[in-house]
Amino acid sequence: MFVFHRSELALQEWMDSNIDNEVEILDQINKGIFSESHAGEYLLSLRNKFSGIVLSDMLCLIKIHLELSVRAKGVLLLRKAGLPVIIEEEVKDKLEELKYLENSIGTTGKLAVAPILKLAPEIYGSFFC
C-alpha cells in the first residue's frame, strides 16, 4: 500500500511540475524561437560534437518526446476522471518515429538530450495502451 501511495504521489508530481515547461518548449519549437531559450542554446552548443543531421534528429526527438509527454498526461487525467480515452493512430506513428530517432542519434545523442528531456521516453508505451 505504501508503494502504491508513493507511486501515485510521484506521478502527480511529474504531471504538475513539467507540463507548463513542456508546453512552453513546444511553443518555442513551433514558433522557431527554440534556439533563443537555454535549452536551445545548449542544443546549439553541441554543433561541434554532432553533425547537422544528428542535431536535426535531436530537435525532432525533443519535439516528439514533449508532444507525447503532454498527451500522456492528458490520457492520465481522462482516465482518472473516468472518461473514455481514444488513442489516435497519430500517437502510434509518433511512438514509431521516436524509436527511429533514438536509433538515429545513438546512445551518445540520447545522453546529450537527456538534460532537456529529463525522462526516459520508453514510459509512453504504457500510457497509450
Protein backbone atom coordinates (compact mmCIF):
# COMPACT_ATOMS: atom_id res chain seq x y z
CA MET A 1 0.00 0.00 0.00
CA PHE A 2 2.88 2.33 0.78
CA VAL A 3 4.48 1.67 -2.61
CA PHE A 4 1.18 2.35 -4.40
CA HIS A 5 0.72 5.62 -2.49
CA ARG A 6 4.31 6.67 -3.20
CA SER A 7 3.83 5.86 -6.89
CA GLU A 8 0.67 7.99 -7.02
CA LEU A 9 2.48 10.93 -5.40
CA ALA A 10 5.39 10.64 -7.83
CA LEU A 11 3.01 10.54 -10.79
CA GLN A 12 1.13 13.60 -9.57
CA GLU A 13 4.40 15.48 -9.02
CA TRP A 14 5.56 14.59 -12.54
CA MET A 15 2.30 15.81 -14.04
CA ASP A 16 2.24 19.06 -12.07
CA SER A 17 5.87 20.03 -12.40
CA ASN A 18 6.62 19.58 -16.07
CA ILE A 19 3.56 20.26 -18.21
CA ASP A 20 3.88 24.05 -18.25
CA ASN A 21 7.56 23.84 -19.15
CA GLU A 22 6.89 21.21 -21.83
CA VAL A 23 4.15 23.29 -23.44
CA GLU A 24 6.42 26.35 -23.39
CA ILE A 25 9.28 24.48 -25.09
CA LEU A 26 6.88 23.03 -27.69
CA ASP A 27 5.60 26.52 -28.38
CA GLN A 28 9.16 27.80 -28.82
CA ILE A 29 9.97 24.98 -31.25
CA ASN A 30 6.79 25.58 -33.25
CA LYS A 31 7.44 29.33 -33.43
CA GLY A 32 11.08 28.80 -34.44
CA ILE A 33 12.49 30.56 -31.39
CA PHE A 34 13.72 27.49 -29.51
CA SER A 35 17.35 28.46 -30.19
CA GLU A 36 16.81 31.58 -28.05
CA SER A 37 15.98 29.51 -24.95
CA HIS A 38 18.50 27.97 -22.56
CA ALA A 39 17.64 24.50 -23.85
CA GLY A 40 18.05 25.69 -27.44
CA GLU A 41 21.39 27.31 -26.68
CA TYR A 42 22.51 24.06 -25.09
CA LEU A 43 21.49 22.10 -28.20
CA LEU A 44 23.34 24.59 -30.41
CA SER A 45 26.44 24.19 -28.25
CA LEU A 46 26.59 20.56 -29.41
CA ARG A 47 27.30 21.61 -33.03
CA ASN A 48 30.99 20.79 -32.74
CA LYS A 49 30.23 17.31 -31.39
CA PHE A 50 27.42 16.13 -33.72
CA SER A 51 26.63 16.52 -37.41
CA GLY A 52 23.83 18.80 -38.56
CA ILE A 53 21.67 15.79 -39.43
CA VAL A 54 22.05 14.34 -35.92
CA LEU A 55 21.27 17.73 -34.35
CA SER A 56 18.17 17.97 -36.50
CA ASP A 57 17.12 14.49 -35.38
CA MET A 58 17.76 15.54 -31.77
CA LEU A 59 15.42 18.51 -32.17
CA CYS A 60 12.76 16.26 -33.73
CA LEU A 61 13.20 13.78 -30.89
CA ILE A 62 12.77 16.55 -28.31
CA LYS A 63 9.61 17.80 -30.03
CA ILE A 64 8.01 14.36 -30.34
CA HIS A 65 9.03 13.43 -26.81
CA LEU A 66 7.35 16.56 -25.43
CA GLU A 67 4.23 16.08 -27.56
CA LEU A 68 3.87 12.52 -26.29
CA SER A 69 4.51 13.59 -22.72
CA VAL A 70 1.75 16.20 -22.85
CA ARG A 71 -0.62 13.67 -24.44
CA ALA A 72 0.26 11.03 -21.85
CA LYS A 73 -0.61 13.43 -19.08
CA GLY A 74 -3.91 14.17 -20.79
CA VAL A 75 -4.65 10.46 -21.01
CA LEU A 76 -3.93 10.06 -17.32
CA LEU A 77 -6.27 12.91 -16.45
CA LEU A 78 -9.04 11.44 -18.61
CA ARG A 79 -8.63 8.00 -17.05
CA LYS A 80 -8.58 9.47 -13.57
CA ALA A 81 -11.84 11.28 -14.31
CA GLY A 82 -13.36 8.05 -15.62
CA LEU A 83 -13.75 9.43 -19.13
CA PRO A 84 -13.16 7.36 -22.26
CA VAL A 85 -9.74 7.57 -23.87
CA ILE A 86 -9.29 7.34 -27.62
CA ILE A 87 -5.74 6.89 -28.86
CA GLU A 88 -5.33 8.23 -32.38
CA GLU A 89 -3.23 6.45 -34.99
CA GLU A 90 -1.01 9.57 -34.98
CA VAL A 91 0.22 8.67 -31.49
CA LYS A 92 1.29 5.22 -32.63
CA ASP A 93 3.12 6.79 -35.57
CA LYS A 94 4.89 9.22 -33.23
CA LEU A 95 5.98 6.36 -30.97
CA GLU A 96 7.49 4.61 -34.02
CA GLU A 97 9.19 7.82 -35.12
CA LEU A 98 10.55 8.29 -31.61
CA LYS A 99 12.14 4.82 -31.76
CA TYR A 100 13.64 5.63 -35.16
CA LEU A 101 15.08 8.94 -33.91
CA GLU A 102 16.54 7.29 -30.81
CA ASN A 103 18.37 4.82 -33.05
CA SER A 104 19.43 7.61 -35.39
CA ILE A 105 21.06 9.78 -32.71
CA GLY A 106 22.52 6.81 -30.81
CA THR A 107 23.37 6.41 -27.17
CA THR A 108 25.63 9.47 -27.04
CA GLY A 109 22.96 11.63 -28.64
CA LYS A 110 20.33 10.38 -26.18
CA LEU A 111 22.67 11.22 -23.31
CA ALA A 112 23.23 14.67 -24.79
CA VAL A 113 19.49 15.50 -24.94
CA ALA A 114 18.70 13.89 -21.58
CA PRO A 115 19.03 17.19 -19.66
CA ILE A 116 16.33 18.69 -21.87
CA LEU A 117 14.01 15.69 -21.68
CA LYS A 118 14.53 14.71 -18.04
CA LEU A 119 12.56 11.50 -18.57
CA ALA A 120 13.10 8.25 -20.38
CA PRO A 121 10.84 8.16 -23.46
CA GLU A 122 10.12 4.44 -23.01
CA ILE A 123 7.46 5.41 -20.46
CA TYR A 124 4.94 6.40 -23.14
CA GLY A 125 4.07 2.91 -24.31
CA SER A 126 2.25 2.17 -21.06
CA PHE A 127 0.15 5.34 -21.24
CA PHE A 128 -1.20 4.67 -24.70
CA CYS A 129 -2.14 1.01 -24.27
